[in-house]
Amino acid sequence: MTMTDTEFHRLADEMFGEIDNAVERAIDDQDADVDIDASGNVLQLAFEDGSQIVINKQEPLHEIWIATKFGGFHFNYTDGKWLDTRNGLEFMPFVIDAIKKQSGIELDIKS
């Protein structure tokens, strides 16, 4: 079944909200220095060292793309999960790991 643009945006926006909430909690819990800028189809996380993680929606492909200082990654929605198109990693664990690698901040998404 093909995903519509509306479904894609709903699913991607849910994931963006989950990231935003997890990072906000980390800022509160760890006094972390992270700036979050959500604008249109892009969510940017800027860290104390000046590095960024940029997460954006690629509507024509129905993918979420992530750019980190260690590479670019593409995720598509398969069987109810956002999965990396190269290695099948799940989106949220990947983002949590990328934030830790890039900034040293450990996120707790359970609370």
C-alpha atoms as a PDB file:
ATOM      1  CA  MET A   1       0.000   0.000   0.000  1.00  0.00           C
ATOM      2  CA  THR A   2       1.363   3.402  -0.962  1.00  0.00           C
ATOM      3  CA  MET A   3       1.633   6.117   1.676  1.00  0.00           C
ATOM      4  CA  THR A   4      -0.037   9.440   0.932  1.00  0.00           C
ATOM      5  CA  ASP A   5       1.715  12.763   1.519  1.00  0.00           C
ATOM      6  CA  THR A   6      -0.711  13.462   4.379  1.00  0.00           C
ATOM      7  CA  GLU A   7       0.130  10.152   6.090  1.00  0.00           C
ATOM      8  CA  PHE A   8       3.842  10.792   5.598  1.00  0.00           C
ATOM      9  CA  HIS A   9       3.662  14.229   7.227  1.00  0.00           C
ATOM     10  CA  ARG A  10       1.595  12.915  10.147  1.00  0.00           C
ATOM     11  CA  LEU A  11       4.060  10.085  10.839  1.00  0.00           C
ATOM     12  CA  ALA A  12       7.130  12.294  10.375  1.00  0.00           C
ATOM     13  CA  ASP A  13       5.661  15.042  12.586  1.00  0.00           C
ATOM     14  CA  GLU A  14       5.005  12.488  15.331  1.00  0.00           C
ATOM     15  CA  MET A  15       8.660  11.456  15.185  1.00  0.00           C
ATOM     16  CA  PHE A  16       9.850  15.086  15.188  1.00  0.00           C
ATOM     17  CA  GLY A  17       7.718  15.702  18.296  1.00  0.00           C
ATOM     18  CA  GLU A  18       9.195  12.666  20.026  1.00  0.00           C
ATOM     19  CA  ILE A  19      12.730  13.917  19.357  1.00  0.00           C
ATOM     20  CA  ASP A  20      11.870  17.444  20.484  1.00  0.00           C
ATOM     21  CA  ASN A  21      10.368  16.155  23.749  1.00  0.00           C
ATOM     22  CA  ALA A  22      13.314  13.833  24.475  1.00  0.00           C
ATOM     23  CA  VAL A  23      15.869  16.594  23.853  1.00  0.00           C
ATOM     24  CA  GLU A  24      13.908  19.063  25.990  1.00  0.00           C
ATOM     25  CA  ARG A  25      13.927  16.527  28.859  1.00  0.00           C
ATOM     26  CA  ALA A  26      17.681  16.041  28.463  1.00  0.00           C
ATOM     27  CA  ILE A  27      18.198  19.792  28.595  1.00  0.00           C
ATOM     28  CA  ASP A  28      16.179  19.940  31.822  1.00  0.00           C
ATOM     29  CA  ASP A  29      17.686  16.783  33.387  1.00  0.00           C
ATOM     30  CA  GLN A  30      21.326  17.350  32.445  1.00  0.00           C
ATOM     31  CA  ASP A  31      21.511  21.105  32.036  1.00  0.00           C
ATOM     32  CA  ALA A  32      22.599  20.317  28.455  1.00  0.00           C
ATOM     33  CA  ASP A  33      23.268  23.131  26.003  1.00  0.00           C
ATOM     34  CA  VAL A  34      21.212  22.240  22.933  1.00  0.00           C
ATOM     35  CA  ASP A  35      19.315  24.636  20.711  1.00  0.00           C
ATOM     36  CA  ILE A  36      16.318  23.150  18.929  1.00  0.00           C
ATOM     37  CA  ASP A  37      14.976  24.864  15.841  1.00  0.00           C
ATOM     38  CA  ALA A  38      11.950  23.397  14.097  1.00  0.00           C
ATOM     39  CA  SER A  39      11.048  25.169  10.902  1.00  0.00           C
ATOM     40  CA  GLY A  40       8.846  23.686   8.213  1.00  0.00           C
ATOM     41  CA  ASN A  41      10.203  20.307   7.185  1.00  0.00           C
ATOM     42  CA  VAL A  42      13.470  20.682   9.147  1.00  0.00           C
ATOM     43  CA  LEU A  43      14.433  20.014  12.769  1.00  0.00           C
ATOM     44  CA  GLN A  44      17.903  21.252  13.734  1.00  0.00           C
ATOM     45  CA  LEU A  45      19.720  20.330  16.930  1.00  0.00           C
ATOM     46  CA  ALA A  46      22.699  22.612  17.598  1.00  0.00           C
ATOM     47  CA  PHE A  47      25.189  21.576  20.278  1.00  0.00           C
ATOM     48  CA  GLU A  48      27.632  23.449  22.512  1.00  0.00           C
ATOM     49  CA  ASP A  49      30.610  22.580  20.298  1.00  0.00           C
ATOM     50  CA  GLY A  50      28.933  24.224  17.297  1.00  0.00           C
ATOM     51  CA  SER A  51      28.044  20.951  15.574  1.00  0.00           C
ATOM     52  CA  GLN A  52      24.532  20.195  14.385  1.00  0.00           C
ATOM     53  CA  ILE A  53      22.258  17.310  13.596  1.00  0.00           C
ATOM     54  CA  VAL A  54      19.784  18.214  10.890  1.00  0.00           C
ATOM     55  CA  ILE A  55      16.676  16.090  10.420  1.00  0.00           C
ATOM     56  CA  ASN A  56      14.436  16.821   7.476  1.00  0.00           C
ATOM     57  CA  LYS A  57      11.433  15.441   5.673  1.00  0.00           C
ATOM     58  CA  GLN A  58      11.888  14.433   2.053  1.00  0.00           C
ATOM     59  CA  GLU A  59       8.272  14.504   0.921  1.00  0.00           C
ATOM     60  CA  PRO A  60       8.799  13.305  -2.678  1.00  0.00           C
ATOM     61  CA  LEU A  61      10.494  10.130  -1.380  1.00  0.00           C
ATOM     62  CA  HIS A  62       8.436   9.833   1.845  1.00  0.00           C
ATOM     63  CA  GLU A  63      11.702   9.588   3.791  1.00  0.00           C
ATOM     64  CA  ILE A  64      13.275  11.310   6.778  1.00  0.00           C
ATOM     65  CA  TRP A  65      16.903  12.280   6.238  1.00  0.00           C
ATOM     66  CA  ILE A  66      19.451  12.885   9.000  1.00  0.00           C
ATOM     67  CA  ALA A  67      22.746  14.716   8.580  1.00  0.00           C
ATOM     68  CA  THR A  68      25.307  14.313  11.366  1.00  0.00           C
ATOM     69  CA  LYS A  69      28.995  15.103  11.531  1.00  0.00           C
ATOM     70  CA  PHE A  70      29.672  11.406  10.845  1.00  0.00           C
ATOM     71  CA  GLY A  71      27.400  10.968   7.819  1.00  0.00           C
ATOM     72  CA  GLY A  72      24.023  11.259   6.161  1.00  0.00           C
ATOM     73  CA  PHE A  73      21.252   8.709   6.637  1.00  0.00           C
ATOM     74  CA  HIS A  74      17.862   8.055   5.030  1.00  0.00           C
ATOM     75  CA  PHE A  75      14.903   6.447   6.781  1.00  0.00           C
ATOM     76  CA  ASN A  76      11.660   5.179   5.286  1.00  0.00           C
ATOM     77  CA  TYR A  77       8.520   3.912   6.966  1.00  0.00           C
ATOM     78  CA  THR A  78       8.309   0.125   6.732  1.00  0.00           C
ATOM     79  CA  ASP A  79       6.070  -2.211   8.724  1.00  0.00           C
ATOM     80  CA  GLY A  80       5.165   0.493  11.243  1.00  0.00           C
ATOM     81  CA  LYS A  81       8.739   1.706  11.851  1.00  0.00           C
ATOM     82  CA  TRP A  82      11.133   4.301  10.434  1.00  0.00           C
ATOM     83  CA  LEU A  83      14.126   2.228   9.246  1.00  0.00           C
ATOM     84  CA  ASP A  84      17.508   3.209   7.798  1.00  0.00           C
ATOM     85  CA  THR A  85      17.494   2.342   4.096  1.00  0.00           C
ATOM     86  CA  ARG A  86      21.077   1.000   4.260  1.00  0.00           C
ATOM     87  CA  ASN A  87      21.264  -1.046   7.431  1.00  0.00           C
ATOM     88  CA  GLY A  88      17.711  -1.332   8.804  1.00  0.00           C
ATOM     89  CA  LEU A  89      18.433   0.502  12.073  1.00  0.00           C
ATOM     90  CA  GLU A  90      15.381   2.003  13.755  1.00  0.00           C
ATOM     91  CA  PHE A  91      15.098   5.788  13.682  1.00  0.00           C
ATOM     92  CA  MET A  92      14.776   6.764  17.344  1.00  0.00           C
ATOM     93  CA  PRO A  93      17.573   4.518  18.701  1.00  0.00           C
ATOM     94  CA  PHE A  94      19.735   5.814  15.842  1.00  0.00           C
ATOM     95  CA  VAL A  95      18.991   9.457  16.738  1.00  0.00           C
ATOM     96  CA  ILE A  96      19.687   8.824  20.436  1.00  0.00           C
ATOM     97  CA  ASP A  97      23.024   7.207  19.534  1.00  0.00           C
ATOM     98  CA  ALA A  98      23.900  10.005  17.085  1.00  0.00           C
ATOM     99  CA  ILE A  99      23.228  12.671  19.734  1.00  0.00           C
ATOM    100  CA  LYS A 100      25.381  10.781  22.244  1.00  0.00           C
ATOM    101  CA  LYS A 101      28.240  10.326  19.732  1.00  0.00           C
ATOM    102  CA  GLN A 102      28.119  13.935  18.611  1.00  0.00           C
ATOM    103  CA  SER A 103      27.497  15.737  21.921  1.00  0.00           C
ATOM    104  CA  GLY A 104      27.888  13.291  24.792  1.00  0.00           C
ATOM    105  CA  ILE A 105      24.257  13.891  25.814  1.00  0.00           C
ATOM    106  CA  GLU A 106      22.342  10.755  26.774  1.00  0.00           C
ATOM    107  CA  LEU A 107      18.609  10.928  26.128  1.00  0.00           C
ATOM    108  CA  ASP A 108      15.926   9.099  28.072  1.00  0.00           C
ATOM    109  CA  ILE A 109      12.816   8.689  25.917  1.00  0.00           C
ATOM    110  CA  LYS A 110      10.861   6.537  28.358  1.00  0.00           C
ATOM    111  CA  SER A 111       9.562   9.258  30.681  1.00  0.00           C
END
